[in-house]
Amino acid sequence: MPTLYVPSEDDIRRWIKQAVEEYLNDALVKNIPSQPAGEEQLLCRKEIAGLLGISLVTLHDWMNRGLPCHKQRGRVYFIRSEVMDYVKANHRGTFHRRQAA
């Protein structure tokens, strides 16, 4: 006779949290279209925030945490490839690291 496993509330919460984390991590990387090599374009704050699907407040927080940016004449610009490398290296497992902390 097979054994029936009844998950606890904590199990269900953990499973949902893991599923959401995986979805968000994959969606963040997949929703950013790739650009042909050699065409490095400077993007403003609004453009890069829209590209990443984050708010300007979150963008500012990421800049404080090391998101590569270039300041020229009081304005801030981003190089798409640098931002993509930063996101892939630092934010792919963000939700998972917070859970472990």
PDB file of N, CA and C in Angstrom:
ATOM      1  N   MET A   1       0.844  -1.181   0.000  1.00  0.00           N
ATOM      2  CA  MET A   1       0.000   0.000   0.000  1.00  0.00           C
ATOM      3  C   MET A   1       0.888   1.242   0.000  1.00  0.00           C
ATOM      4  N   PRO A   2       0.695   2.177  -0.962  1.00  0.00           N
ATOM      5  CA  PRO A   2       1.524   3.381  -1.046  1.00  0.00           C
ATOM      6  C   PRO A   2       1.304   4.307   0.157  1.00  0.00           C
ATOM      7  N   THR A   3       2.367   5.013   0.498  1.00  0.00           N
ATOM      8  CA  THR A   3       2.305   5.974   1.593  1.00  0.00           C
ATOM      9  C   THR A   3       1.877   7.326   1.044  1.00  0.00           C
ATOM     10  N   LEU A   4       0.989   7.985   1.743  1.00  0.00           N
ATOM     11  CA  LEU A   4       0.502   9.294   1.333  1.00  0.00           C
ATOM     12  C   LEU A   4       1.266  10.361   2.099  1.00  0.00           C
ATOM     13  N   TYR A   5       1.878  11.293   1.353  1.00  0.00           N
ATOM     14  CA  TYR A   5       2.614  12.395   1.973  1.00  0.00           C
ATOM     15  C   TYR A   5       1.727  13.633   1.984  1.00  0.00           C
ATOM     16  N   VAL A   6       1.510  14.192   3.144  1.00  0.00           N
ATOM     17  CA  VAL A   6       0.730  15.417   3.274  1.00  0.00           C
ATOM     18  C   VAL A   6       1.708  16.540   3.607  1.00  0.00           C
ATOM     19  N   PRO A   7       1.905  17.451   2.658  1.00  0.00           N
ATOM     20  CA  PRO A   7       2.871  18.526   2.907  1.00  0.00           C
ATOM     21  C   PRO A   7       2.362  19.497   3.974  1.00  0.00           C
ATOM     22  N   SER A   8       3.319  20.027   4.717  1.00  0.00           N
ATOM     23  CA  SER A   8       2.975  21.022   5.733  1.00  0.00           C
ATOM     24  C   SER A   8       2.829  22.382   5.057  1.00  0.00           C
ATOM     25  N   GLU A   9       2.333  23.330   5.803  1.00  0.00           N
ATOM     26  CA  GLU A   9       2.189  24.692   5.278  1.00  0.00           C
ATOM     27  C   GLU A   9       3.550  25.264   4.903  1.00  0.00           C
ATOM     28  N   ASP A  10       4.572  24.957   5.699  1.00  0.00           N
ATOM     29  CA  ASP A  10       5.930  25.428   5.401  1.00  0.00           C
ATOM     30  C   ASP A  10       6.450  24.834   4.091  1.00  0.00           C
ATOM     31  N   ASP A  11       6.156  23.558   3.836  1.00  0.00           N
ATOM     32  CA  ASP A  11       6.569  22.927   2.579  1.00  0.00           C
ATOM     33  C   ASP A  11       5.943  23.647   1.385  1.00  0.00           C
ATOM     34  N   ILE A  12       4.646  23.902   1.470  1.00  0.00           N
ATOM     35  CA  ILE A  12       3.941  24.561   0.377  1.00  0.00           C
ATOM     36  C   ILE A  12       4.491  25.964   0.151  1.00  0.00           C
ATOM     37  N   ARG A  13       4.720  26.708   1.238  1.00  0.00           N
ATOM     38  CA  ARG A  13       5.295  28.057   1.101  1.00  0.00           C
ATOM     39  C   ARG A  13       6.666  28.006   0.454  1.00  0.00           C
ATOM     40  N   ARG A  14       7.506  27.057   0.879  1.00  0.00           N
ATOM     41  CA  ARG A  14       8.853  26.919   0.327  1.00  0.00           C
ATOM     42  C   ARG A  14       8.783  26.597  -1.163  1.00  0.00           C
ATOM     43  N   TRP A  15       7.873  25.699  -1.560  1.00  0.00           N
ATOM     44  CA  TRP A  15       7.733  25.321  -2.967  1.00  0.00           C
ATOM     45  C   TRP A  15       7.273  26.507  -3.804  1.00  0.00           C
ATOM     46  N   ILE A  16       6.312  27.246  -3.304  1.00  0.00           N
ATOM     47  CA  ILE A  16       5.819  28.416  -4.035  1.00  0.00           C
ATOM     48  C   ILE A  16       6.926  29.451  -4.164  1.00  0.00           C
ATOM     49  N   LYS A  17       7.649  29.685  -3.059  1.00  0.00           N
ATOM     50  CA  LYS A  17       8.731  30.665  -3.080  1.00  0.00           C
ATOM     51  C   LYS A  17       9.810  30.263  -4.080  1.00  0.00           C
ATOM     52  N   GLN A  18      10.174  28.995  -4.110  1.00  0.00           N
ATOM     53  CA  GLN A  18      11.182  28.518  -5.057  1.00  0.00           C
ATOM     54  C   GLN A  18      10.706  28.671  -6.495  1.00  0.00           C
ATOM     55  N   ALA A  19       9.432  28.359  -6.738  1.00  0.00           N
ATOM     56  CA  ALA A  19       8.890  28.482  -8.089  1.00  0.00           C
ATOM     57  C   ALA A  19       8.887  29.935  -8.543  1.00  0.00           C
ATOM     58  N   VAL A  20       8.498  30.846  -7.671  1.00  0.00           N
ATOM     59  CA  VAL A  20       8.473  32.262  -8.012  1.00  0.00           C
ATOM     60  C   VAL A  20       9.893  32.776  -8.256  1.00  0.00           C
ATOM     61  N   GLU A  21      10.840  32.368  -7.406  1.00  0.00           N
ATOM     62  CA  GLU A  21      12.231  32.782  -7.575  1.00  0.00           C
ATOM     63  C   GLU A  21      12.774  32.323  -8.926  1.00  0.00           C
ATOM     64  N   GLU A  22      12.534  31.064  -9.275  1.00  0.00           N
ATOM     65  CA  GLU A  22      13.019  30.544 -10.553  1.00  0.00           C
ATOM     66  C   GLU A  22      12.398  31.302 -11.720  1.00  0.00           C
ATOM     67  N   TYR A  23      11.100  31.551 -11.629  1.00  0.00           N
ATOM     68  CA  TYR A  23      10.415  32.276 -12.699  1.00  0.00           C
ATOM     69  C   TYR A  23      10.977  33.684 -12.857  1.00  0.00           C
ATOM     70  N   LEU A  24      11.129  34.410 -11.751  1.00  0.00           N
ATOM     71  CA  LEU A  24      11.620  35.783 -11.820  1.00  0.00           C
ATOM     72  C   LEU A  24      13.060  35.838 -12.308  1.00  0.00           C
ATOM     73  N   ASN A  25      13.884  34.934 -11.841  1.00  0.00           N
ATOM     74  CA  ASN A  25      15.280  34.914 -12.285  1.00  0.00           C
ATOM     75  C   ASN A  25      15.375  34.634 -13.779  1.00  0.00           C
ATOM     76  N   ASP A  26      14.593  33.679 -14.277  1.00  0.00           N
ATOM     77  CA  ASP A  26      14.600  33.366 -15.705  1.00  0.00           C
ATOM     78  C   ASP A  26      13.996  34.507 -16.520  1.00  0.00           C
ATOM     79  N   ALA A  27      12.920  35.090 -16.037  1.00  0.00           N
ATOM     80  CA  ALA A  27      12.238  36.160 -16.763  1.00  0.00           C
ATOM     81  C   ALA A  27      13.132  37.391 -16.884  1.00  0.00           C
ATOM     82  N   LEU A  28      13.894  37.696 -15.855  1.00  0.00           N
ATOM     83  CA  LEU A  28      14.767  38.865 -15.878  1.00  0.00           C
ATOM     84  C   LEU A  28      15.787  38.757 -16.998  1.00  0.00           C
ATOM     85  N   VAL A  29      16.372  37.586 -17.165  1.00  0.00           N
ATOM     86  CA  VAL A  29      17.394  37.401 -18.183  1.00  0.00           C
ATOM     87  C   VAL A  29      16.773  37.231 -19.569  1.00  0.00           C
ATOM     88  N   LYS A  30      15.665  36.508 -19.684  1.00  0.00           N
ATOM     89  CA  LYS A  30      15.053  36.233 -20.987  1.00  0.00           C
ATOM     90  C   LYS A  30      14.379  37.452 -21.596  1.00  0.00           C
ATOM     91  N   ASN A  31      13.866  38.363 -20.778  1.00  0.00           N
ATOM     92  CA  ASN A  31      13.135  39.517 -21.301  1.00  0.00           C
ATOM     93  C   ASN A  31      14.035  40.627 -21.808  1.00  0.00           C
ATOM     94  N   ILE A  32      15.329  40.473 -21.659  1.00  0.00           N
ATOM     95  CA  ILE A  32      16.258  41.489 -22.122  1.00  0.00           C
ATOM     96  C   ILE A  32      16.806  41.034 -23.467  1.00  0.00           C
ATOM     97  N   PRO A  33      16.379  41.673 -24.539  1.00  0.00           N
ATOM     98  CA  PRO A  33      16.825  41.240 -25.870  1.00  0.00           C
ATOM     99  C   PRO A  33      18.316  41.469 -26.068  1.00  0.00           C
ATOM    100  N   SER A  34      18.925  40.620 -26.874  1.00  0.00           N
ATOM    101  CA  SER A  34      20.357  40.775 -27.139  1.00  0.00           C
ATOM    102  C   SER A  34      20.556  41.767 -28.281  1.00  0.00           C
ATOM    103  N   GLN A  35      21.743  42.376 -28.287  1.00  0.00           N
ATOM    104  CA  GLN A  35      22.068  43.370 -29.316  1.00  0.00           C
ATOM    105  C   GLN A  35      23.289  42.880 -30.077  1.00  0.00           C
ATOM    106  N   PRO A  36      23.340  43.130 -31.357  1.00  0.00           N
ATOM    107  CA  PRO A  36      24.497  42.696 -32.149  1.00  0.00           C
ATOM    108  C   PRO A  36      25.803  43.272 -31.608  1.00  0.00           C
ATOM    109  N   ALA A  37      26.876  42.482 -31.720  1.00  0.00           N
ATOM    110  CA  ALA A  37      28.185  42.918 -31.237  1.00  0.00           C
ATOM    111  C   ALA A  37      28.666  44.104 -32.050  1.00  0.00           C
ATOM    112  N   GLY A  38      29.413  44.977 -31.404  1.00  0.00           N
ATOM    113  CA  GLY A  38      29.982  46.126 -32.076  1.00  0.00           C
ATOM    114  C   GLY A  38      29.104  47.362 -32.028  1.00  0.00           C
ATOM    115  N   GLU A  39      27.860  47.225 -31.665  1.00  0.00           N
ATOM    116  CA  GLU A  39      26.957  48.362 -31.593  1.00  0.00           C
ATOM    117  C   GLU A  39      26.725  48.731 -30.132  1.00  0.00           C
ATOM    118  N   GLU A  40      27.677  49.397 -29.539  1.00  0.00           N
ATOM    119  CA  GLU A  40      27.546  49.818 -28.150  1.00  0.00           C
ATOM    120  C   GLU A  40      26.856  51.168 -28.105  1.00  0.00           C
ATOM    121  N   GLN A  41      25.688  51.194 -27.517  1.00  0.00           N
ATOM    122  CA  GLN A  41      24.880  52.391 -27.472  1.00  0.00           C
ATOM    123  C   GLN A  41      24.749  52.849 -26.028  1.00  0.00           C
ATOM    124  N   LEU A  42      24.835  54.143 -25.804  1.00  0.00           N
ATOM    125  CA  LEU A  42      24.630  54.683 -24.470  1.00  0.00           C
ATOM    126  C   LEU A  42      23.134  54.795 -24.209  1.00  0.00           C
ATOM    127  N   LEU A  43      22.717  54.317 -23.061  1.00  0.00           N
ATOM    128  CA  LEU A  43      21.311  54.362 -22.679  1.00  0.00           C
ATOM    129  C   LEU A  43      21.152  55.254 -21.456  1.00  0.00           C
ATOM    130  N   CYS A  44      20.050  55.999 -21.397  1.00  0.00           N
ATOM    131  CA  CYS A  44      19.782  56.849 -20.231  1.00  0.00           C
ATOM    132  C   CYS A  44      19.119  56.011 -19.138  1.00  0.00           C
ATOM    133  N   ARG A  45      18.869  56.623 -17.991  1.00  0.00           N
ATOM    134  CA  ARG A  45      18.272  55.914 -16.854  1.00  0.00           C
ATOM    135  C   ARG A  45      16.919  55.307 -17.204  1.00  0.00           C
ATOM    136  N   LYS A  46      16.062  56.090 -17.849  1.00  0.00           N
ATOM    137  CA  LYS A  46      14.726  55.590 -18.203  1.00  0.00           C
ATOM    138  C   LYS A  46      14.808  54.395 -19.143  1.00  0.00           C
ATOM    139  N   GLU A  47      15.695  54.479 -20.119  1.00  0.00           N
ATOM    140  CA  GLU A  47      15.825  53.394 -21.097  1.00  0.00           C
ATOM    141  C   GLU A  47      16.309  52.111 -20.437  1.00  0.00           C
ATOM    142  N   ILE A  48      17.316  52.220 -19.580  1.00  0.00           N
ATOM    143  CA  ILE A  48      17.866  51.007 -18.965  1.00  0.00           C
ATOM    144  C   ILE A  48      16.889  50.434 -17.940  1.00  0.00           C
ATOM    145  N   ALA A  49      16.174  51.297 -17.217  1.00  0.00           N
ATOM    146  CA  ALA A  49      15.166  50.816 -16.261  1.00  0.00           C
ATOM    147  C   ALA A  49      14.045  50.099 -17.011  1.00  0.00           C
ATOM    148  N   GLY A  50      13.619  50.659 -18.143  1.00  0.00           N
ATOM    149  CA  GLY A  50      12.587  50.016 -18.948  1.00  0.00           C
ATOM    150  C   GLY A  50      13.059  48.695 -19.526  1.00  0.00           C
ATOM    151  N   LEU A  51      14.299  48.654 -19.966  1.00  0.00           N
ATOM    152  CA  LEU A  51      14.872  47.444 -20.525  1.00  0.00           C
ATOM    153  C   LEU A  51      14.923  46.327 -19.481  1.00  0.00           C
ATOM    154  N   LEU A  52      15.288  46.691 -18.257  1.00  0.00           N
ATOM    155  CA  LEU A  52      15.390  45.707 -17.179  1.00  0.00           C
ATOM    156  C   LEU A  52      14.051  45.431 -16.508  1.00  0.00           C
ATOM    157  N   GLY A  53      13.075  46.295 -16.744  1.00  0.00           N
ATOM    158  CA  GLY A  53      11.771  46.119 -16.107  1.00  0.00           C
ATOM    159  C   GLY A  53      11.793  46.452 -14.624  1.00  0.00           C
ATOM    160  N   ILE A  54      12.582  47.465 -14.258  1.00  0.00           N
ATOM    161  CA  ILE A  54      12.677  47.877 -12.856  1.00  0.00           C
ATOM    162  C   ILE A  54      12.348  49.365 -12.756  1.00  0.00           C
ATOM    163  N   SER A  55      12.104  49.823 -11.544  1.00  0.00           N
ATOM    164  CA  SER A  55      11.809  51.241 -11.332  1.00  0.00           C
ATOM    165  C   SER A  55      13.107  52.046 -11.288  1.00  0.00           C
ATOM    166  N   LEU A  56      12.982  53.359 -11.396  1.00  0.00           N
ATOM    167  CA  LEU A  56      14.157  54.229 -11.296  1.00  0.00           C
ATOM    168  C   LEU A  56      14.762  54.168  -9.896  1.00  0.00           C
ATOM    169  N   VAL A  57      13.929  53.944  -8.887  1.00  0.00           N
ATOM    170  CA  VAL A  57      14.433  53.813  -7.511  1.00  0.00           C
ATOM    171  C   VAL A  57      15.309  52.565  -7.400  1.00  0.00           C
ATOM    172  N   THR A  58      14.840  51.451  -7.969  1.00  0.00           N
ATOM    173  CA  THR A  58      15.633  50.219  -7.949  1.00  0.00           C
ATOM    174  C   THR A  58      16.912  50.400  -8.748  1.00  0.00           C
ATOM    175  N   LEU A  59      16.825  51.088  -9.873  1.00  0.00           N
ATOM    176  CA  LEU A  59      18.013  51.357 -10.688  1.00  0.00           C
ATOM    177  C   LEU A  59      19.041  52.145  -9.880  1.00  0.00           C
ATOM    178  N   HIS A  60      18.591  53.150  -9.163  1.00  0.00           N
ATOM    179  CA  HIS A  60      19.491  53.951  -8.326  1.00  0.00           C
ATOM    180  C   HIS A  60      20.145  53.077  -7.253  1.00  0.00           C
ATOM    181  N   ASP A  61      19.363  52.184  -6.654  1.00  0.00           N
ATOM    182  CA  ASP A  61      19.902  51.262  -5.657  1.00  0.00           C
ATOM    183  C   ASP A  61      20.970  50.366  -6.272  1.00  0.00           C
ATOM    184  N   TRP A  62      20.709  49.850  -7.468  1.00  0.00           N
ATOM    185  CA  TRP A  62      21.685  49.002  -8.151  1.00  0.00           C
ATOM    186  C   TRP A  62      22.936  49.788  -8.489  1.00  0.00           C
ATOM    187  N   MET A  63      22.781  51.069  -8.843  1.00  0.00           N
ATOM    188  CA  MET A  63      23.949  51.910  -9.127  1.00  0.00           C
ATOM    189  C   MET A  63      24.800  52.056  -7.873  1.00  0.00           C
ATOM    190  N   ASN A  64      24.159  52.232  -6.739  1.00  0.00           N
ATOM    191  CA  ASN A  64      24.893  52.339  -5.473  1.00  0.00           C
ATOM    192  C   ASN A  64      25.594  51.036  -5.114  1.00  0.00           C
ATOM    193  N   ARG A  65      25.080  49.924  -5.608  1.00  0.00           N
ATOM    194  CA  ARG A  65      25.662  48.615  -5.325  1.00  0.00           C
ATOM    195  C   ARG A  65      26.692  48.186  -6.371  1.00  0.00           C
ATOM    196  N   GLY A  66      26.924  49.040  -7.369  1.00  0.00           N
ATOM    197  CA  GLY A  66      27.992  48.732  -8.319  1.00  0.00           C
ATOM    198  C   GLY A  66      27.582  48.585  -9.765  1.00  0.00           C
ATOM    199  N   LEU A  67      26.335  48.851 -10.111  1.00  0.00           N
ATOM    200  CA  LEU A  67      25.933  48.790 -11.515  1.00  0.00           C
ATOM    201  C   LEU A  67      26.786  49.770 -12.307  1.00  0.00           C
ATOM    202  N   PRO A  68      27.490  49.305 -13.347  1.00  0.00           N
ATOM    203  CA  PRO A  68      28.376  50.202 -14.094  1.00  0.00           C
ATOM    204  C   PRO A  68      27.595  51.299 -14.820  1.00  0.00           C
ATOM    205  N   CYS A  69      28.020  52.527 -14.595  1.00  0.00           N
ATOM    206  CA  CYS A  69      27.399  53.671 -15.264  1.00  0.00           C
ATOM    207  C   CYS A  69      28.493  54.679 -15.606  1.00  0.00           C
ATOM    208  N   HIS A  70      28.148  55.582 -16.502  1.00  0.00           N
ATOM    209  CA  HIS A  70      29.095  56.594 -16.959  1.00  0.00           C
ATOM    210  C   HIS A  70      28.449  57.957 -16.819  1.00  0.00           C
ATOM    211  N   LYS A  71      29.110  58.853 -16.110  1.00  0.00           N
ATOM    212  CA  LYS A  71      28.568  60.186 -15.881  1.00  0.00           C
ATOM    213  C   LYS A  71      29.254  61.176 -16.808  1.00  0.00           C
ATOM    214  N   GLN A  72      28.417  61.921 -17.535  1.00  0.00           N
ATOM    215  CA  GLN A  72      28.930  62.924 -18.453  1.00  0.00           C
ATOM    216  C   GLN A  72      28.088  64.187 -18.315  1.00  0.00           C
ATOM    217  N   ARG A  73      28.744  65.278 -17.945  1.00  0.00           N
ATOM    218  CA  ARG A  73      28.082  66.577 -17.826  1.00  0.00           C
ATOM    219  C   ARG A  73      26.815  66.529 -16.974  1.00  0.00           C
ATOM    220  N   GLY A  74      26.904  65.866 -15.840  1.00  0.00           N
ATOM    221  CA  GLY A  74      25.772  65.806 -14.925  1.00  0.00           C
ATOM    222  C   GLY A  74      24.703  64.791 -15.296  1.00  0.00           C
ATOM    223  N   ARG A  75      24.914  64.042 -16.335  1.00  0.00           N
ATOM    224  CA  ARG A  75      23.954  63.015 -16.754  1.00  0.00           C
ATOM    225  C   ARG A  75      24.583  61.641 -16.580  1.00  0.00           C
ATOM    226  N   VAL A  76      23.725  60.632 -16.431  1.00  0.00           N
ATOM    227  CA  VAL A  76      24.200  59.267 -16.239  1.00  0.00           C
ATOM    228  C   VAL A  76      23.789  58.427 -17.436  1.00  0.00           C
ATOM    229  N   TYR A  77      24.732  57.688 -17.978  1.00  0.00           N
ATOM    230  CA  TYR A  77      24.484  56.815 -19.113  1.00  0.00           C
ATOM    231  C   TYR A  77      24.989  55.414 -18.801  1.00  0.00           C
ATOM    232  N   PHE A  78      24.463  54.448 -19.534  1.00  0.00           N
ATOM    233  CA  PHE A  78      24.830  53.053 -19.337  1.00  0.00           C
ATOM    234  C   PHE A  78      25.188  52.434 -20.680  1.00  0.00           C
ATOM    235  N   ILE A  79      26.140  51.516 -20.647  1.00  0.00           N
ATOM    236  CA  ILE A  79      26.465  50.714 -21.821  1.00  0.00           C
ATOM    237  C   ILE A  79      25.782  49.375 -21.625  1.00  0.00           C
ATOM    238  N   ARG A  80      24.955  49.035 -22.590  1.00  0.00           N
ATOM    239  CA  ARG A  80      24.083  47.868 -22.467  1.00  0.00           C
ATOM    240  C   ARG A  80      24.839  46.595 -22.090  1.00  0.00           C
ATOM    241  N   SER A  81      25.951  46.305 -22.743  1.00  0.00           N
ATOM    242  CA  SER A  81      26.688  45.066 -22.478  1.00  0.00           C
ATOM    243  C   SER A  81      27.227  45.028 -21.045  1.00  0.00           C
ATOM    244  N   GLU A  82      27.676  46.167 -20.528  1.00  0.00           N
ATOM    245  CA  GLU A  82      28.163  46.217 -19.148  1.00  0.00           C
ATOM    246  C   GLU A  82      27.033  45.941 -18.165  1.00  0.00           C
ATOM    247  N   VAL A  83      25.870  46.531 -18.446  1.00  0.00           N
ATOM    248  CA  VAL A  83      24.712  46.319 -17.574  1.00  0.00           C
ATOM    249  C   VAL A  83      24.295  44.856 -17.605  1.00  0.00           C
ATOM    250  N   MET A  84      24.263  44.260 -18.799  1.00  0.00           N
ATOM    251  CA  MET A  84      23.866  42.857 -18.919  1.00  0.00           C
ATOM    252  C   MET A  84      24.823  41.943 -18.155  1.00  0.00           C
ATOM    253  N   ASP A  85      26.120  42.204 -18.267  1.00  0.00           N
ATOM    254  CA  ASP A  85      27.099  41.406 -17.531  1.00  0.00           C
ATOM    255  C   ASP A  85      26.887  41.538 -16.030  1.00  0.00           C
ATOM    256  N   TYR A  86      26.612  42.762 -15.575  1.00  0.00           N
ATOM    257  CA  TYR A  86      26.382  43.004 -14.151  1.00  0.00           C
ATOM    258  C   TYR A  86      25.136  42.260 -13.671  1.00  0.00           C
ATOM    259  N   VAL A  87      24.052  42.348 -14.439  1.00  0.00           N
ATOM    260  CA  VAL A  87      22.794  41.695 -14.048  1.00  0.00           C
ATOM    261  C   VAL A  87      22.983  40.190 -13.990  1.00  0.00           C
ATOM    262  N   LYS A  88      23.628  39.627 -14.989  1.00  0.00           N
ATOM    263  CA  LYS A  88      23.842  38.180 -15.012  1.00  0.00           C
ATOM    264  C   LYS A  88      24.712  37.730 -13.847  1.00  0.00           C
ATOM    265  N   ALA A  89      25.709  38.523 -13.490  1.00  0.00           N
ATOM    266  CA  ALA A  89      26.626  38.150 -12.417  1.00  0.00           C
ATOM    267  C   ALA A  89      26.055  38.390 -11.021  1.00  0.00           C
ATOM    268  N   ASN A  90      25.239  39.430 -10.867  1.00  0.00           N
ATOM    269  CA  ASN A  90      24.845  39.831  -9.522  1.00  0.00           C
ATOM    270  C   ASN A  90      23.380  39.679  -9.174  1.00  0.00           C
ATOM    271  N   HIS A  91      22.489  39.575 -10.146  1.00  0.00           N
ATOM    272  CA  HIS A  91      21.071  39.564  -9.805  1.00  0.00           C
ATOM    273  C   HIS A  91      20.337  38.309 -10.237  1.00  0.00           C
ATOM    274  N   ARG A  92      21.003  37.386 -10.844  1.00  0.00           N
ATOM    275  CA  ARG A  92      20.326  36.158 -11.254  1.00  0.00           C
ATOM    276  C   ARG A  92      19.858  35.368 -10.039  1.00  0.00           C
ATOM    277  N   GLY A  93      20.649  35.279  -8.994  1.00  0.00           N
ATOM    278  CA  GLY A  93      20.268  34.526  -7.801  1.00  0.00           C
ATOM    279  C   GLY A  93      19.894  35.399  -6.633  1.00  0.00           C
ATOM    280  N   THR A  94      19.484  36.618  -6.870  1.00  0.00           N
ATOM    281  CA  THR A  94      19.192  37.561  -5.801  1.00  0.00           C
ATOM    282  C   THR A  94      18.172  37.017  -4.820  1.00  0.00           C
ATOM    283  N   PHE A  95      17.080  36.477  -5.317  1.00  0.00           N
ATOM    284  CA  PHE A  95      16.008  36.023  -4.443  1.00  0.00           C
ATOM    285  C   PHE A  95      16.464  34.821  -3.625  1.00  0.00           C
ATOM    286  N   HIS A  96      17.248  33.943  -4.225  1.00  0.00           N
ATOM    287  CA  HIS A  96      17.727  32.767  -3.527  1.00  0.00           C
ATOM    288  C   HIS A  96      18.681  33.147  -2.398  1.00  0.00           C
ATOM    289  N   ARG A  97      19.561  34.121  -2.641  1.00  0.00           N
ATOM    290  CA  ARG A  97      20.500  34.545  -1.613  1.00  0.00           C
ATOM    291  C   ARG A  97      19.778  35.189  -0.435  1.00  0.00           C
ATOM    292  N   ARG A  98      18.723  35.931  -0.711  1.00  0.00           N
ATOM    293  CA  ARG A  98      17.974  36.543   0.381  1.00  0.00           C
ATOM    294  C   ARG A  98      17.328  35.491   1.261  1.00  0.00           C
ATOM    295  N   GLN A  99      16.886  34.411   0.662  1.00  0.00           N
ATOM    296  CA  GLN A  99      16.255  33.333   1.410  1.00  0.00           C
ATOM    297  C   GLN A  99      17.260  32.694   2.349  1.00  0.00           C
ATOM    298  N   ALA A 100      18.501  32.510   1.886  1.00  0.00           N
ATOM    299  CA  ALA A 100      19.521  31.845   2.686  1.00  0.00           C
ATOM    300  C   ALA A 100      20.022  32.741   3.810  1.00  0.00           C
ATOM    301  N   ALA A 101      19.916  34.051   3.677  1.00  0.00           N
ATOM    302  CA  ALA A 101      20.450  34.970   4.673  1.00  0.00           C
ATOM    303  C   ALA A 101      19.624  34.997   5.935  1.00  0.00           C
TER     304      ALA A 101
END
